[in-house]
Amino acid sequence: MSGDLSPQATKAQAFAEMLREETGLPVHLWDERLTTTEAHRHLHASGVAGSQHKKVVDQVAAVLILQAFLDARAIRAEQHNEAS
């Protein structure tokens, strides 16, 4: 996690730019590193057996990514409103 873009991240950025150009819609990229680890922690803390993690860990990670994005967006909106 040096901060350098991986080949996959570079591809994701190119794809996001193509989507922006083709649709005219905003496209937000979000760093998903370590979300699978965090999802396993949440599952463990919730009492889900380790043998069951594989079935739902990607879903939990997706929820964590979306929630982090929504939280950050809400904070930015709040800061913008306070500055106005």
C-alpha atoms as a PDB file:
ATOM      1  CA  MET A   1       0.000   0.000   0.000  1.00  0.00           C
ATOM      2  CA  SER A   2       2.627   2.445  -1.162  1.00  0.00           C
ATOM      3  CA  GLY A   3       0.154   4.877  -2.660  1.00  0.00           C
ATOM      4  CA  ASP A   4       1.217   3.993  -6.198  1.00  0.00           C
ATOM      5  CA  LEU A   5      -1.525   2.994  -8.607  1.00  0.00           C
ATOM      6  CA  SER A   6      -1.637  -0.689  -9.426  1.00  0.00           C
ATOM      7  CA  PRO A   7      -2.257  -1.815 -13.005  1.00  0.00           C
ATOM      8  CA  GLN A   8      -5.832  -2.706 -11.983  1.00  0.00           C
ATOM      9  CA  ALA A   9      -6.390   0.746 -10.452  1.00  0.00           C
ATOM     10  CA  THR A  10      -5.111   2.359 -13.641  1.00  0.00           C
ATOM     11  CA  LYS A  11      -7.616   0.292 -15.640  1.00  0.00           C
ATOM     12  CA  ALA A  12     -10.400   1.289 -13.236  1.00  0.00           C
ATOM     13  CA  GLN A  13      -9.558   4.966 -13.685  1.00  0.00           C
ATOM     14  CA  ALA A  14      -9.588   4.623 -17.466  1.00  0.00           C
ATOM     15  CA  PHE A  15     -12.942   2.830 -17.318  1.00  0.00           C
ATOM     16  CA  ALA A  16     -14.370   5.521 -15.033  1.00  0.00           C
ATOM     17  CA  GLU A  17     -13.250   8.228 -17.445  1.00  0.00           C
ATOM     18  CA  MET A  18     -14.852   6.370 -20.351  1.00  0.00           C
ATOM     19  CA  LEU A  19     -18.112   6.100 -18.377  1.00  0.00           C
ATOM     20  CA  ARG A  20     -18.039   9.839 -17.612  1.00  0.00           C
ATOM     21  CA  GLU A  21     -17.489  10.685 -21.264  1.00  0.00           C
ATOM     22  CA  GLU A  22     -20.117   8.268 -22.576  1.00  0.00           C
ATOM     23  CA  THR A  23     -22.847   9.039 -20.049  1.00  0.00           C
ATOM     24  CA  GLY A  24     -22.141  12.587 -18.938  1.00  0.00           C
ATOM     25  CA  LEU A  25     -22.742  11.368 -15.384  1.00  0.00           C
ATOM     26  CA  PRO A  26     -20.415  11.717 -12.428  1.00  0.00           C
ATOM     27  CA  VAL A  27     -18.408   8.598 -11.629  1.00  0.00           C
ATOM     28  CA  HIS A  28     -16.871   8.234  -8.184  1.00  0.00           C
ATOM     29  CA  LEU A  29     -13.955   5.923  -7.483  1.00  0.00           C
ATOM     30  CA  TRP A  30     -13.467   4.557  -3.986  1.00  0.00           C
ATOM     31  CA  ASP A  31     -10.482   2.791  -2.458  1.00  0.00           C
ATOM     32  CA  GLU A  32     -11.617  -0.710  -1.552  1.00  0.00           C
ATOM     33  CA  ARG A  33      -8.336  -1.968  -0.114  1.00  0.00           C
ATOM     34  CA  LEU A  34      -8.717  -3.808   3.182  1.00  0.00           C
ATOM     35  CA  THR A  35     -12.531  -3.916   2.991  1.00  0.00           C
ATOM     36  CA  THR A  36     -12.544  -7.716   2.813  1.00  0.00           C
ATOM     37  CA  THR A  37     -10.479  -7.835   6.001  1.00  0.00           C
ATOM     38  CA  GLU A  38     -12.854  -5.371   7.641  1.00  0.00           C
ATOM     39  CA  ALA A  39     -15.835  -7.433   6.461  1.00  0.00           C
ATOM     40  CA  HIS A  40     -14.358 -10.562   8.078  1.00  0.00           C
ATOM     41  CA  ARG A  41     -13.948  -8.598  11.324  1.00  0.00           C
ATOM     42  CA  HIS A  42     -17.583  -7.464  11.211  1.00  0.00           C
ATOM     43  CA  LEU A  43     -18.777 -10.986  10.534  1.00  0.00           C
ATOM     44  CA  HIS A  44     -16.679 -12.391  13.374  1.00  0.00           C
ATOM     45  CA  ALA A  45     -17.926  -9.689  15.770  1.00  0.00           C
ATOM     46  CA  SER A  46     -21.494 -10.507  14.730  1.00  0.00           C
ATOM     47  CA  GLY A  47     -20.984 -14.141  15.682  1.00  0.00           C
ATOM     48  CA  VAL A  48     -21.037 -15.523  12.142  1.00  0.00           C
ATOM     49  CA  ALA A  49     -19.078 -18.774  11.979  1.00  0.00           C
ATOM     50  CA  GLY A  50     -15.841 -18.558  10.019  1.00  0.00           C
ATOM     51  CA  SER A  51     -17.053 -21.335   7.739  1.00  0.00           C
ATOM     52  CA  GLN A  52     -19.945 -19.096   6.683  1.00  0.00           C
ATOM     53  CA  HIS A  53     -17.859 -16.001   5.898  1.00  0.00           C
ATOM     54  CA  LYS A  54     -17.057 -17.029   2.325  1.00  0.00           C
ATOM     55  CA  LYS A  55     -20.749 -16.977   1.420  1.00  0.00           C
ATOM     56  CA  VAL A  56     -21.311 -13.351   2.428  1.00  0.00           C
ATOM     57  CA  VAL A  57     -17.970 -11.586   2.844  1.00  0.00           C
ATOM     58  CA  ASP A  58     -18.143  -9.837  -0.543  1.00  0.00           C
ATOM     59  CA  GLN A  59     -21.662  -8.598   0.216  1.00  0.00           C
ATOM     60  CA  VAL A  60     -20.562  -7.243   3.586  1.00  0.00           C
ATOM     61  CA  ALA A  61     -17.523  -5.590   1.993  1.00  0.00           C
ATOM     62  CA  ALA A  62     -19.788  -3.944  -0.604  1.00  0.00           C
ATOM     63  CA  VAL A  63     -22.016  -2.593   2.166  1.00  0.00           C
ATOM     64  CA  LEU A  64     -18.964  -1.204   3.981  1.00  0.00           C
ATOM     65  CA  ILE A  65     -17.691   0.493   0.809  1.00  0.00           C
ATOM     66  CA  LEU A  66     -21.079   2.037   0.046  1.00  0.00           C
ATOM     67  CA  GLN A  67     -21.576   3.194   3.637  1.00  0.00           C
ATOM     68  CA  ALA A  68     -18.121   4.802   3.727  1.00  0.00           C
ATOM     69  CA  PHE A  69     -18.877   6.639   0.472  1.00  0.00           C
ATOM     70  CA  LEU A  70     -22.269   7.848   1.721  1.00  0.00           C
ATOM     71  CA  ASP A  71     -20.785   8.952   5.053  1.00  0.00           C
ATOM     72  CA  ALA A  72     -18.017  10.899   3.305  1.00  0.00           C
ATOM     73  CA  ARG A  73     -20.545  12.528   0.980  1.00  0.00           C
ATOM     74  CA  ALA A  74     -22.733  13.561   3.924  1.00  0.00           C
ATOM     75  CA  ILE A  75     -19.733  15.056   5.731  1.00  0.00           C
ATOM     76  CA  ARG A  76     -18.731  17.020   2.622  1.00  0.00           C
ATOM     77  CA  ALA A  77     -22.295  18.324   2.240  1.00  0.00           C
ATOM     78  CA  GLU A  78     -22.397  19.321   5.911  1.00  0.00           C
ATOM     79  CA  GLN A  79     -19.054  21.115   5.637  1.00  0.00           C
ATOM     80  CA  HIS A  80     -20.252  22.899   2.497  1.00  0.00           C
ATOM     81  CA  ASN A  81     -23.432  24.023   4.266  1.00  0.00           C
ATOM     82  CA  GLU A  82     -21.444  25.289   7.257  1.00  0.00           C
ATOM     83  CA  ALA A  83     -19.128  27.246   4.959  1.00  0.00           C
ATOM     84  CA  SER A  84     -22.054  28.886   3.137  1.00  0.00           C
END
